[in-house]
Amino acid sequence: MDNIARGFGASPLEVIDDGRLKVAFLAIPALFLADGLRDVHKPVALWVAALDDIVPVVPDFAILRDGLPVRPVSHIEPDAGLYSFLAPYTRTQRAELYEICTDLPGFDRVAFHPRLNAAAVAFFRANL
């Protein structure tokens, strides 16, 4: 199995040719193989976490990014870990799911998500 899918215990995502696809905004695109998006000739945005220790930026992000036929819009979120891209949590969730609800020092999940959402909307507006 390629680097992109390691560590998740799941198979890489299969990419199906679907003419309805116009653009793709992928946050933490961990389950795509290096060549899994090679036939996607549409605008793509890739957002990844700089401090992701499960699917590290080096080499996984570069492999995926460089396997795309159209150069994607790329963003590496500083101070974010893999779980930082999950929605903000409640107190109960934090108590029960501490590992995925706890961010690294210097990262504010609540402040991040409006920026992520705005970036996705802007990308879709610019490319649809």
N, C-alpha and C. Protein backbone atom coordinates (compact mmCIF):
# COMPACT_ATOMS: atom_id res chain seq x y z
N MET A 1 0.84 -1.18 0.00
CA MET A 1 0.00 0.00 0.00
C MET A 1 0.88 1.24 0.00
N ASP A 2 0.48 2.23 -0.72
CA ASP A 2 1.24 3.46 -0.86
C ASP A 2 1.21 4.27 0.43
N ASN A 3 2.12 5.24 0.53
CA ASN A 3 2.23 6.08 1.73
C ASN A 3 0.93 6.79 2.09
N ILE A 4 0.17 7.21 1.12
CA ILE A 4 -0.99 8.04 1.38
C ILE A 4 -2.02 7.31 2.25
N ALA A 5 -2.13 6.00 2.12
CA ALA A 5 -3.18 5.28 2.84
C ALA A 5 -2.69 4.56 4.09
N ARG A 6 -1.43 4.64 4.40
CA ARG A 6 -0.93 3.87 5.54
C ARG A 6 -1.49 4.41 6.86
N GLY A 7 -1.60 3.51 7.81
CA GLY A 7 -1.99 3.95 9.14
C GLY A 7 -3.48 4.03 9.41
N PHE A 8 -4.31 3.90 8.41
CA PHE A 8 -5.74 4.04 8.62
C PHE A 8 -6.46 2.71 8.66
N GLY A 9 -5.82 1.62 8.26
CA GLY A 9 -6.46 0.32 8.27
C GLY A 9 -7.59 0.23 7.27
N ALA A 10 -7.60 1.08 6.28
CA ALA A 10 -8.64 1.06 5.26
C ALA A 10 -7.99 1.03 3.89
N SER A 11 -8.75 0.63 2.92
CA SER A 11 -8.24 0.62 1.56
C SER A 11 -8.25 2.04 1.01
N PRO A 12 -7.35 2.33 0.08
CA PRO A 12 -7.37 3.65 -0.56
C PRO A 12 -8.69 3.86 -1.28
N LEU A 13 -9.08 5.10 -1.41
CA LEU A 13 -10.32 5.42 -2.10
C LEU A 13 -10.18 5.14 -3.58
N GLU A 14 -11.22 4.58 -4.16
CA GLU A 14 -11.25 4.36 -5.59
C GLU A 14 -11.82 5.62 -6.22
N VAL A 15 -11.17 6.10 -7.26
CA VAL A 15 -11.65 7.29 -7.95
C VAL A 15 -12.46 6.81 -9.16
N ILE A 16 -13.69 7.25 -9.22
CA ILE A 16 -14.60 6.86 -10.30
C ILE A 16 -14.78 8.05 -11.22
N ASP A 17 -14.65 7.82 -12.50
CA ASP A 17 -14.84 8.89 -13.48
C ASP A 17 -16.32 9.28 -13.49
N ASP A 18 -16.59 10.49 -13.09
CA ASP A 18 -17.96 10.97 -13.01
C ASP A 18 -17.99 12.35 -13.65
N GLY A 19 -18.67 12.46 -14.76
CA GLY A 19 -18.73 13.71 -15.51
C GLY A 19 -19.32 14.87 -14.74
N ARG A 20 -20.01 14.58 -13.65
CA ARG A 20 -20.59 15.67 -12.85
C ARG A 20 -19.54 16.40 -12.03
N LEU A 21 -18.39 15.79 -11.82
CA LEU A 21 -17.32 16.41 -11.05
C LEU A 21 -16.77 17.62 -11.80
N LYS A 22 -16.84 18.76 -11.18
CA LYS A 22 -16.32 20.00 -11.79
C LYS A 22 -15.09 20.51 -11.05
N VAL A 23 -15.08 20.36 -9.73
CA VAL A 23 -13.97 20.78 -8.89
C VAL A 23 -13.93 19.86 -7.67
N ALA A 24 -12.82 19.89 -6.95
CA ALA A 24 -12.72 19.10 -5.72
C ALA A 24 -11.96 19.90 -4.67
N PHE A 25 -12.52 19.98 -3.48
CA PHE A 25 -11.86 20.61 -2.33
C PHE A 25 -11.65 19.49 -1.34
N LEU A 26 -10.39 19.09 -1.13
CA LEU A 26 -10.07 17.94 -0.30
C LEU A 26 -9.30 18.39 0.93
N ALA A 27 -9.88 18.13 2.10
CA ALA A 27 -9.22 18.44 3.36
C ALA A 27 -8.71 17.12 3.93
N ILE A 28 -7.41 17.07 4.25
CA ILE A 28 -6.75 15.86 4.73
C ILE A 28 -7.07 14.70 3.78
N PRO A 29 -6.60 14.81 2.54
CA PRO A 29 -6.92 13.78 1.53
C PRO A 29 -6.06 12.52 1.69
N ALA A 30 -6.11 11.91 2.85
CA ALA A 30 -5.19 10.84 3.23
C ALA A 30 -5.38 9.54 2.48
N LEU A 31 -6.56 9.24 2.03
CA LEU A 31 -6.80 7.91 1.48
C LEU A 31 -6.67 7.81 -0.03
N PHE A 32 -6.13 8.83 -0.67
CA PHE A 32 -5.88 8.73 -2.10
C PHE A 32 -4.46 8.26 -2.33
N LEU A 33 -4.30 7.29 -3.21
CA LEU A 33 -2.95 6.86 -3.58
C LEU A 33 -2.28 7.96 -4.37
N ALA A 34 -0.96 7.87 -4.51
CA ALA A 34 -0.19 8.88 -5.23
C ALA A 34 -0.76 9.12 -6.62
N ASP A 35 -1.18 8.06 -7.30
CA ASP A 35 -1.71 8.23 -8.65
C ASP A 35 -3.23 8.17 -8.68
N GLY A 36 -3.86 8.17 -7.52
CA GLY A 36 -5.31 8.02 -7.44
C GLY A 36 -6.10 9.15 -8.07
N LEU A 37 -5.51 10.29 -8.21
CA LEU A 37 -6.19 11.44 -8.82
C LEU A 37 -5.58 11.82 -10.17
N ARG A 38 -4.77 10.94 -10.73
CA ARG A 38 -4.04 11.27 -11.95
C ARG A 38 -4.93 11.59 -13.14
N ASP A 39 -6.17 11.13 -13.13
CA ASP A 39 -7.09 11.39 -14.23
C ASP A 39 -8.06 12.52 -13.95
N VAL A 40 -7.86 13.23 -12.85
CA VAL A 40 -8.73 14.36 -12.50
C VAL A 40 -8.14 15.62 -13.12
N HIS A 41 -8.72 16.02 -14.23
CA HIS A 41 -8.26 17.20 -14.97
C HIS A 41 -9.16 18.40 -14.68
N LYS A 42 -9.48 18.56 -13.44
CA LYS A 42 -10.34 19.66 -12.97
C LYS A 42 -9.61 20.39 -11.87
N PRO A 43 -10.06 21.60 -11.52
CA PRO A 43 -9.44 22.31 -10.40
C PRO A 43 -9.59 21.53 -9.08
N VAL A 44 -8.52 21.47 -8.33
CA VAL A 44 -8.50 20.76 -7.04
C VAL A 44 -7.83 21.66 -6.01
N ALA A 45 -8.37 21.68 -4.81
CA ALA A 45 -7.73 22.34 -3.67
C ALA A 45 -7.41 21.26 -2.65
N LEU A 46 -6.21 21.31 -2.11
CA LEU A 46 -5.77 20.36 -1.09
C LEU A 46 -5.42 21.13 0.17
N TRP A 47 -6.04 20.80 1.27
CA TRP A 47 -5.73 21.40 2.57
C TRP A 47 -5.23 20.29 3.49
N VAL A 48 -4.07 20.49 4.06
CA VAL A 48 -3.48 19.48 4.95
C VAL A 48 -2.97 20.14 6.23
N ALA A 49 -2.75 19.30 7.23
CA ALA A 49 -2.28 19.77 8.53
C ALA A 49 -0.76 19.65 8.60
N ALA A 50 -0.10 20.73 8.95
CA ALA A 50 1.36 20.77 9.00
C ALA A 50 1.94 19.76 9.99
N LEU A 51 1.23 19.51 11.08
CA LEU A 51 1.76 18.65 12.14
C LEU A 51 1.03 17.32 12.23
N ASP A 52 0.52 16.86 11.12
CA ASP A 52 -0.16 15.56 11.05
C ASP A 52 0.88 14.47 11.17
N ASP A 53 0.83 13.69 12.25
CA ASP A 53 1.82 12.63 12.43
C ASP A 53 1.36 11.29 11.89
N ILE A 54 0.14 11.22 11.38
CA ILE A 54 -0.37 9.99 10.78
C ILE A 54 -0.17 10.00 9.27
N VAL A 55 -0.48 11.11 8.64
CA VAL A 55 -0.26 11.29 7.21
C VAL A 55 0.58 12.55 7.07
N PRO A 56 1.89 12.41 7.23
CA PRO A 56 2.76 13.59 7.26
C PRO A 56 2.84 14.34 5.92
N VAL A 57 3.03 15.63 6.04
CA VAL A 57 3.18 16.48 4.86
C VAL A 57 4.32 15.94 3.99
N VAL A 58 5.41 15.61 4.60
CA VAL A 58 6.54 15.04 3.86
C VAL A 58 6.62 13.57 4.22
N PRO A 59 6.48 12.68 3.25
CA PRO A 59 6.38 12.89 1.81
C PRO A 59 4.97 12.84 1.27
N ASP A 60 3.96 12.48 2.07
CA ASP A 60 2.65 12.14 1.55
C ASP A 60 1.95 13.25 0.77
N PHE A 61 1.94 14.46 1.30
CA PHE A 61 1.25 15.56 0.62
C PHE A 61 1.90 15.85 -0.72
N ALA A 62 3.23 15.90 -0.75
CA ALA A 62 3.93 16.20 -2.01
C ALA A 62 3.66 15.12 -3.06
N ILE A 63 3.60 13.86 -2.63
CA ILE A 63 3.33 12.77 -3.57
C ILE A 63 1.95 12.94 -4.19
N LEU A 64 0.96 13.21 -3.37
CA LEU A 64 -0.40 13.39 -3.88
C LEU A 64 -0.48 14.63 -4.77
N ARG A 65 0.04 15.74 -4.29
CA ARG A 65 -0.01 17.00 -5.04
C ARG A 65 0.66 16.85 -6.40
N ASP A 66 1.83 16.23 -6.42
CA ASP A 66 2.59 16.11 -7.66
C ASP A 66 2.03 15.06 -8.60
N GLY A 67 1.09 14.22 -8.12
CA GLY A 67 0.47 13.23 -8.98
C GLY A 67 -0.73 13.76 -9.74
N LEU A 68 -1.16 14.97 -9.42
CA LEU A 68 -2.30 15.56 -10.12
C LEU A 68 -1.87 16.15 -11.46
N PRO A 69 -2.67 15.97 -12.52
CA PRO A 69 -2.30 16.53 -13.82
C PRO A 69 -2.44 18.05 -13.88
N VAL A 70 -3.33 18.61 -13.06
CA VAL A 70 -3.52 20.06 -12.98
C VAL A 70 -3.00 20.48 -11.61
N ARG A 71 -2.09 21.44 -11.59
CA ARG A 71 -1.51 21.88 -10.32
C ARG A 71 -2.61 22.36 -9.38
N PRO A 72 -2.75 21.76 -8.18
CA PRO A 72 -3.82 22.15 -7.28
C PRO A 72 -3.49 23.42 -6.50
N VAL A 73 -4.52 24.01 -5.95
CA VAL A 73 -4.36 25.04 -4.94
C VAL A 73 -3.99 24.27 -3.67
N SER A 74 -2.88 24.60 -3.07
CA SER A 74 -2.41 23.85 -1.90
C SER A 74 -2.32 24.75 -0.69
N HIS A 75 -2.72 24.18 0.45
CA HIS A 75 -2.62 24.93 1.71
C HIS A 75 -2.19 23.96 2.81
N ILE A 76 -1.16 24.33 3.53
CA ILE A 76 -0.71 23.57 4.68
C ILE A 76 -1.02 24.41 5.91
N GLU A 77 -1.92 23.91 6.76
CA GLU A 77 -2.36 24.67 7.93
C GLU A 77 -1.35 24.54 9.06
N PRO A 78 -0.70 25.66 9.43
CA PRO A 78 0.30 25.62 10.50
C PRO A 78 -0.32 25.20 11.84
N ASP A 79 0.43 24.51 12.63
CA ASP A 79 0.06 24.10 13.99
C ASP A 79 -1.10 23.11 14.07
N ALA A 80 -1.65 22.70 12.92
CA ALA A 80 -2.77 21.76 12.92
C ALA A 80 -2.27 20.33 12.88
N GLY A 81 -2.99 19.47 13.57
CA GLY A 81 -2.78 18.04 13.49
C GLY A 81 -3.91 17.41 12.69
N LEU A 82 -3.86 16.12 12.49
CA LEU A 82 -4.86 15.43 11.68
C LEU A 82 -6.28 15.72 12.16
N TYR A 83 -6.52 15.63 13.45
CA TYR A 83 -7.88 15.76 13.97
C TYR A 83 -8.35 17.21 14.05
N SER A 84 -7.47 18.16 13.84
CA SER A 84 -7.84 19.57 13.88
C SER A 84 -8.88 19.92 12.83
N PHE A 85 -8.98 19.12 11.78
CA PHE A 85 -9.92 19.39 10.71
C PHE A 85 -11.33 18.91 11.04
N LEU A 86 -11.47 18.15 12.12
CA LEU A 86 -12.81 17.75 12.56
C LEU A 86 -13.51 18.96 13.17
N ALA A 87 -14.81 18.96 13.12
CA ALA A 87 -15.59 20.07 13.64
C ALA A 87 -15.30 20.30 15.13
N PRO A 88 -15.46 21.53 15.58
CA PRO A 88 -15.30 21.80 17.01
C PRO A 88 -16.21 20.87 17.82
N TYR A 89 -15.80 20.61 19.03
CA TYR A 89 -16.41 19.60 19.87
C TYR A 89 -17.16 20.21 21.04
N THR A 90 -18.01 19.38 21.64
CA THR A 90 -18.71 19.78 22.87
C THR A 90 -17.88 19.30 24.07
N ARG A 91 -18.25 19.74 25.26
CA ARG A 91 -17.55 19.27 26.47
C ARG A 91 -17.67 17.75 26.63
N THR A 92 -18.84 17.25 26.35
CA THR A 92 -19.06 15.80 26.46
C THR A 92 -18.17 15.05 25.48
N GLN A 93 -18.11 15.52 24.25
CA GLN A 93 -17.25 14.87 23.26
C GLN A 93 -15.79 14.91 23.70
N ARG A 94 -15.37 16.05 24.22
CA ARG A 94 -13.97 16.15 24.65
C ARG A 94 -13.68 15.16 25.77
N ALA A 95 -14.61 14.99 26.69
CA ALA A 95 -14.41 14.05 27.79
C ALA A 95 -14.34 12.62 27.29
N GLU A 96 -15.13 12.29 26.28
CA GLU A 96 -15.19 10.92 25.78
C GLU A 96 -14.15 10.64 24.69
N LEU A 97 -13.80 11.65 23.93
CA LEU A 97 -12.91 11.48 22.77
C LEU A 97 -11.73 12.44 22.86
N TYR A 98 -11.05 12.41 23.97
CA TYR A 98 -10.01 13.38 24.27
C TYR A 98 -8.97 13.49 23.15
N GLU A 99 -8.50 12.37 22.64
CA GLU A 99 -7.43 12.39 21.64
C GLU A 99 -7.81 13.18 20.39
N ILE A 100 -9.02 12.97 19.88
CA ILE A 100 -9.38 13.66 18.64
C ILE A 100 -9.95 15.05 18.89
N CYS A 101 -10.23 15.38 20.13
CA CYS A 101 -10.76 16.71 20.47
C CYS A 101 -9.69 17.65 21.02
N THR A 102 -8.48 17.17 21.16
CA THR A 102 -7.42 17.98 21.73
C THR A 102 -6.45 18.39 20.64
N ASP A 103 -6.29 19.69 20.47
CA ASP A 103 -5.39 20.21 19.45
C ASP A 103 -4.03 20.51 20.04
N LEU A 104 -3.08 20.62 19.15
CA LEU A 104 -1.72 20.94 19.55
C LEU A 104 -1.65 22.39 20.02
N PRO A 105 -0.69 22.72 20.89
CA PRO A 105 -0.55 24.11 21.34
C PRO A 105 -0.41 25.06 20.15
N GLY A 106 -1.10 26.17 20.23
CA GLY A 106 -1.01 27.18 19.17
C GLY A 106 -2.08 27.05 18.10
N PHE A 107 -2.90 26.01 18.18
CA PHE A 107 -3.96 25.85 17.17
C PHE A 107 -5.32 26.07 17.81
N ASP A 108 -6.14 26.87 17.15
CA ASP A 108 -7.48 27.19 17.63
C ASP A 108 -8.50 26.63 16.63
N ARG A 109 -9.07 25.49 16.95
CA ARG A 109 -10.00 24.80 16.05
C ARG A 109 -11.24 25.65 15.77
N VAL A 110 -11.73 26.32 16.79
CA VAL A 110 -12.93 27.15 16.61
C VAL A 110 -12.66 28.29 15.63
N ALA A 111 -11.51 28.90 15.70
CA ALA A 111 -11.15 29.99 14.78
C ALA A 111 -10.81 29.46 13.39
N PHE A 112 -10.28 28.25 13.32
CA PHE A 112 -9.86 27.67 12.04
C PHE A 112 -11.03 27.33 11.13
N HIS A 113 -12.08 26.76 11.67
CA HIS A 113 -13.15 26.26 10.81
C HIS A 113 -13.86 27.32 9.99
N PRO A 114 -14.12 28.52 10.48
CA PRO A 114 -14.67 29.55 9.58
C PRO A 114 -13.71 29.88 8.42
N ARG A 115 -12.41 29.87 8.68
CA ARG A 115 -11.44 30.12 7.59
C ARG A 115 -11.46 28.98 6.57
N LEU A 116 -11.51 27.74 7.04
CA LEU A 116 -11.59 26.58 6.15
C LEU A 116 -12.86 26.66 5.31
N ASN A 117 -13.98 26.94 5.95
CA ASN A 117 -15.26 27.04 5.24
C ASN A 117 -15.23 28.15 4.20
N ALA A 118 -14.69 29.31 4.57
CA ALA A 118 -14.62 30.44 3.64
C ALA A 118 -13.71 30.11 2.46
N ALA A 119 -12.62 29.41 2.70
CA ALA A 119 -11.72 29.01 1.61
C ALA A 119 -12.42 28.06 0.65
N ALA A 120 -13.19 27.13 1.19
CA ALA A 120 -13.92 26.19 0.33
C ALA A 120 -14.95 26.93 -0.52
N VAL A 121 -15.71 27.82 0.10
CA VAL A 121 -16.72 28.59 -0.66
C VAL A 121 -16.05 29.42 -1.73
N ALA A 122 -14.96 30.11 -1.41
CA ALA A 122 -14.26 30.94 -2.39
C ALA A 122 -13.72 30.10 -3.54
N PHE A 123 -13.17 28.91 -3.22
CA PHE A 123 -12.66 28.03 -4.25
C PHE A 123 -13.77 27.57 -5.19
N PHE A 124 -14.90 27.17 -4.62
CA PHE A 124 -16.02 26.73 -5.46
C PHE A 124 -16.56 27.89 -6.31
N ARG A 125 -16.68 29.06 -5.72
CA ARG A 125 -17.18 30.21 -6.48
C ARG A 125 -16.24 30.57 -7.64
N ALA A 126 -14.96 30.47 -7.40
CA ALA A 126 -13.97 30.82 -8.43
C ALA A 126 -13.89 29.78 -9.55
N ASN A 127 -14.29 28.56 -9.24
CA ASN A 127 -14.07 27.48 -10.21
C ASN A 127 -15.34 26.82 -10.75
N LEU A 128 -16.49 27.24 -10.30
CA LEU A 128 -17.73 26.68 -10.84
C LEU A 128 -18.44 27.67 -11.73
